[in-house]
Amino acid sequence: VQLQASGGGLVQTGGSLRLSCAASGDISSINAMGWYRQAPGKERELVAHITTSGSANYADAVKGRFTISRDNAKNTVSLEMNSLKPEDTAVYYCNAKVPTTWYTYDYWGRGTQVTVSS
């Protein structure tokens, strides 16, 4: 599984950005797709993820501001980020989860920088 992310950039507080991620390769094995982020000096954390059936889960910090969507036909996942705050500044990583009988594999795309200026 290969993940190609796009979007990100610099925005002022209160602004909006959209991240997109396209999956290729053995996409039939993918279950959930989503986004994680890592700020300087902090651990990588889940932002949002969505299953093939459309069930979405969000971090408390982004609920009501971010919306994740998935197009199974195009094998893409997008993250619409509104009302951005400086604390949303981080490198954002696209993620795909491939479950097996005993283990769930994580695949990662290259990170994309999101910077929110105050």
C-alpha atoms as a PDB file:
ATOM      1  CA  VAL A   1       0.000   0.000   0.000  1.00  0.00           C
ATOM      2  CA  GLN A   2       1.302   3.410  -0.974  1.00  0.00           C
ATOM      3  CA  LEU A   3      -0.159   6.673   0.253  1.00  0.00           C
ATOM      4  CA  GLN A   4       0.259  10.015  -1.465  1.00  0.00           C
ATOM      5  CA  ALA A   5      -0.817  13.034   0.556  1.00  0.00           C
ATOM      6  CA  SER A   6      -1.420  16.564  -0.663  1.00  0.00           C
ATOM      7  CA  GLY A   7      -2.611  19.821   0.760  1.00  0.00           C
ATOM      8  CA  GLY A   8      -1.425  21.590   3.853  1.00  0.00           C
ATOM      9  CA  GLY A   9       0.334  24.921   4.032  1.00  0.00           C
ATOM     10  CA  LEU A  10       0.226  28.142   6.006  1.00  0.00           C
ATOM     11  CA  VAL A  11      -3.028  29.699   7.186  1.00  0.00           C
ATOM     12  CA  GLN A  12      -4.098  32.258   9.745  1.00  0.00           C
ATOM     13  CA  THR A  13      -6.052  31.439  12.872  1.00  0.00           C
ATOM     14  CA  GLY A  14      -9.652  30.737  11.974  1.00  0.00           C
ATOM     15  CA  GLY A  15      -8.808  29.734   8.438  1.00  0.00           C
ATOM     16  CA  SER A  16      -9.384  26.482   6.597  1.00  0.00           C
ATOM     17  CA  LEU A  17      -7.306  23.888   4.822  1.00  0.00           C
ATOM     18  CA  ARG A  18      -8.008  20.607   3.094  1.00  0.00           C
ATOM     19  CA  LEU A  19      -5.768  17.560   3.089  1.00  0.00           C
ATOM     20  CA  SER A  20      -6.169  14.714   0.634  1.00  0.00           C
ATOM     21  CA  CYS A  21      -4.587  11.296   0.455  1.00  0.00           C
ATOM     22  CA  ALA A  22      -4.691   8.775  -2.379  1.00  0.00           C
ATOM     23  CA  ALA A  23      -4.016   5.105  -1.801  1.00  0.00           C
ATOM     24  CA  SER A  24      -2.566   2.730  -4.358  1.00  0.00           C
ATOM     25  CA  GLY A  25      -1.304  -0.823  -4.377  1.00  0.00           C
ATOM     26  CA  ASP A  26      -3.176  -3.544  -2.492  1.00  0.00           C
ATOM     27  CA  ILE A  27      -6.051  -1.231  -1.632  1.00  0.00           C
ATOM     28  CA  SER A  28      -8.550  -4.043  -1.205  1.00  0.00           C
ATOM     29  CA  SER A  29      -6.846  -4.937   2.050  1.00  0.00           C
ATOM     30  CA  ILE A  30      -7.327  -1.502   3.588  1.00  0.00           C
ATOM     31  CA  ASN A  31      -9.834  -1.086   6.373  1.00  0.00           C
ATOM     32  CA  ALA A  32      -9.590   2.275   8.093  1.00  0.00           C
ATOM     33  CA  MET A  33      -7.871   5.312   6.641  1.00  0.00           C
ATOM     34  CA  GLY A  34      -7.164   8.512   8.422  1.00  0.00           C
ATOM     35  CA  TRP A  35      -4.858  11.244   9.577  1.00  0.00           C
ATOM     36  CA  TYR A  36      -2.399  11.579  12.408  1.00  0.00           C
ATOM     37  CA  ARG A  37      -0.317  14.590  13.333  1.00  0.00           C
ATOM     38  CA  GLN A  38       2.913  15.265  15.135  1.00  0.00           C
ATOM     39  CA  ALA A  39       3.856  18.625  16.576  1.00  0.00           C
ATOM     40  CA  PRO A  40       7.454  19.457  17.500  1.00  0.00           C
ATOM     41  CA  GLY A  41       8.453  17.719  20.709  1.00  0.00           C
ATOM     42  CA  LYS A  42       5.249  15.736  20.884  1.00  0.00           C
ATOM     43  CA  GLU A  43       4.223  12.221  20.008  1.00  0.00           C
ATOM     44  CA  ARG A  44       2.228  11.406  16.923  1.00  0.00           C
ATOM     45  CA  GLU A  45      -1.479  11.474  17.672  1.00  0.00           C
ATOM     46  CA  LEU A  46      -4.658  10.446  15.929  1.00  0.00           C
ATOM     47  CA  VAL A  47      -6.632  13.266  14.346  1.00  0.00           C
ATOM     48  CA  ALA A  48      -9.410  11.318  12.656  1.00  0.00           C
ATOM     49  CA  HIS A  49      -9.993   8.054  10.885  1.00  0.00           C
ATOM     50  CA  ILE A  50     -12.802   6.526   8.904  1.00  0.00           C
ATOM     51  CA  THR A  51     -13.606   2.933   8.059  1.00  0.00           C
ATOM     52  CA  THR A  52     -14.639   1.485   4.722  1.00  0.00           C
ATOM     53  CA  SER A  53     -18.248   1.578   5.920  1.00  0.00           C
ATOM     54  CA  GLY A  54     -17.973   5.279   6.711  1.00  0.00           C
ATOM     55  CA  SER A  55     -17.749   5.154  10.476  1.00  0.00           C
ATOM     56  CA  ALA A  56     -15.615   8.105  11.581  1.00  0.00           C
ATOM     57  CA  ASN A  57     -13.765   8.834  14.790  1.00  0.00           C
ATOM     58  CA  TYR A  58     -12.220  12.151  15.824  1.00  0.00           C
ATOM     59  CA  ALA A  59      -9.812  13.361  18.452  1.00  0.00           C
ATOM     60  CA  ASP A  60     -11.571  15.531  21.014  1.00  0.00           C
ATOM     61  CA  ALA A  61      -9.375  18.479  20.071  1.00  0.00           C
ATOM     62  CA  VAL A  62     -10.760  18.598  16.515  1.00  0.00           C
ATOM     63  CA  LYS A  63     -14.371  17.548  16.966  1.00  0.00           C
ATOM     64  CA  GLY A  64     -16.721  20.031  15.383  1.00  0.00           C
ATOM     65  CA  ARG A  65     -13.935  21.661  13.371  1.00  0.00           C
ATOM     66  CA  PHE A  66     -12.521  18.883  11.219  1.00  0.00           C
ATOM     67  CA  THR A  67     -14.408  16.565   8.901  1.00  0.00           C
ATOM     68  CA  ILE A  68     -12.997  13.396   7.410  1.00  0.00           C
ATOM     69  CA  SER A  69     -14.436  11.841   4.293  1.00  0.00           C
ATOM     70  CA  ARG A  70     -13.593   8.866   2.154  1.00  0.00           C
ATOM     71  CA  ASP A  71     -14.214   7.985  -1.467  1.00  0.00           C
ATOM     72  CA  ASN A  72     -13.878   4.233  -1.749  1.00  0.00           C
ATOM     73  CA  ALA A  73     -14.241   4.320  -5.524  1.00  0.00           C
ATOM     74  CA  LYS A  74     -11.284   6.703  -5.855  1.00  0.00           C
ATOM     75  CA  ASN A  75      -9.386   5.248  -2.900  1.00  0.00           C
ATOM     76  CA  THR A  76      -8.974   8.644  -1.341  1.00  0.00           C
ATOM     77  CA  VAL A  77      -9.473  10.128   2.090  1.00  0.00           C
ATOM     78  CA  SER A  78      -9.765  13.840   2.778  1.00  0.00           C
ATOM     79  CA  LEU A  79      -9.656  16.000   5.847  1.00  0.00           C
ATOM     80  CA  GLU A  80     -11.457  19.322   5.826  1.00  0.00           C
ATOM     81  CA  MET A  81     -10.036  21.514   8.573  1.00  0.00           C
ATOM     82  CA  ASN A  82     -11.968  24.598   9.645  1.00  0.00           C
ATOM     83  CA  SER A  83     -11.554  27.127  12.438  1.00  0.00           C
ATOM     84  CA  LEU A  84      -7.879  26.293  12.608  1.00  0.00           C
ATOM     85  CA  LYS A  85      -5.931  27.173  15.723  1.00  0.00           C
ATOM     86  CA  PRO A  86      -2.194  27.621  16.310  1.00  0.00           C
ATOM     87  CA  GLU A  87      -2.223  24.382  18.298  1.00  0.00           C
ATOM     88  CA  ASP A  88      -3.231  22.557  15.117  1.00  0.00           C
ATOM     89  CA  THR A  89       0.230  23.304  13.749  1.00  0.00           C
ATOM     90  CA  ALA A  90       1.934  19.992  13.047  1.00  0.00           C
ATOM     91  CA  VAL A  91       3.069  17.609  10.383  1.00  0.00           C
ATOM     92  CA  TYR A  92       0.045  15.625   9.259  1.00  0.00           C
ATOM     93  CA  TYR A  93       0.393  12.023   8.129  1.00  0.00           C
ATOM     94  CA  CYS A  94      -2.026   9.959   6.104  1.00  0.00           C
ATOM     95  CA  ASN A  95      -2.539   6.470   7.499  1.00  0.00           C
ATOM     96  CA  ALA A  96      -4.053   3.243   6.249  1.00  0.00           C
ATOM     97  CA  LYS A  97      -4.730   0.204   8.378  1.00  0.00           C
ATOM     98  CA  VAL A  98      -4.549  -3.286   6.958  1.00  0.00           C
ATOM     99  CA  PRO A  99      -5.833  -5.938   9.335  1.00  0.00           C
ATOM    100  CA  THR A 100      -4.690  -9.522   9.290  1.00  0.00           C
ATOM    101  CA  THR A 101      -5.680 -12.421  11.488  1.00  0.00           C
ATOM    102  CA  TRP A 102      -3.143 -11.555  14.170  1.00  0.00           C
ATOM    103  CA  TYR A 103      -1.990  -8.023  13.538  1.00  0.00           C
ATOM    104  CA  THR A 104      -3.022  -4.721  12.020  1.00  0.00           C
ATOM    105  CA  TYR A 105      -0.398  -3.135   9.805  1.00  0.00           C
ATOM    106  CA  ASP A 106      -0.034   0.637   9.583  1.00  0.00           C
ATOM    107  CA  TYR A 107       1.002   2.285   6.344  1.00  0.00           C
ATOM    108  CA  TRP A 108       2.058   5.919   6.275  1.00  0.00           C
ATOM    109  CA  GLY A 109       2.280   8.610   3.679  1.00  0.00           C
ATOM    110  CA  ARG A 110       4.843  11.364   3.712  1.00  0.00           C
ATOM    111  CA  GLY A 111       3.928  14.070   6.145  1.00  0.00           C
ATOM    112  CA  THR A 112       2.538  17.390   5.045  1.00  0.00           C
ATOM    113  CA  GLN A 113       3.115  20.520   7.086  1.00  0.00           C
ATOM    114  CA  VAL A 114       0.192  22.511   8.429  1.00  0.00           C
ATOM    115  CA  THR A 115       1.090  25.816  10.040  1.00  0.00           C
ATOM    116  CA  VAL A 116      -1.487  28.056  11.683  1.00  0.00           C
ATOM    117  CA  SER A 117      -0.275  31.541  12.485  1.00  0.00           C
ATOM    118  CA  SER A 118      -1.713  33.539  15.362  1.00  0.00           C
END
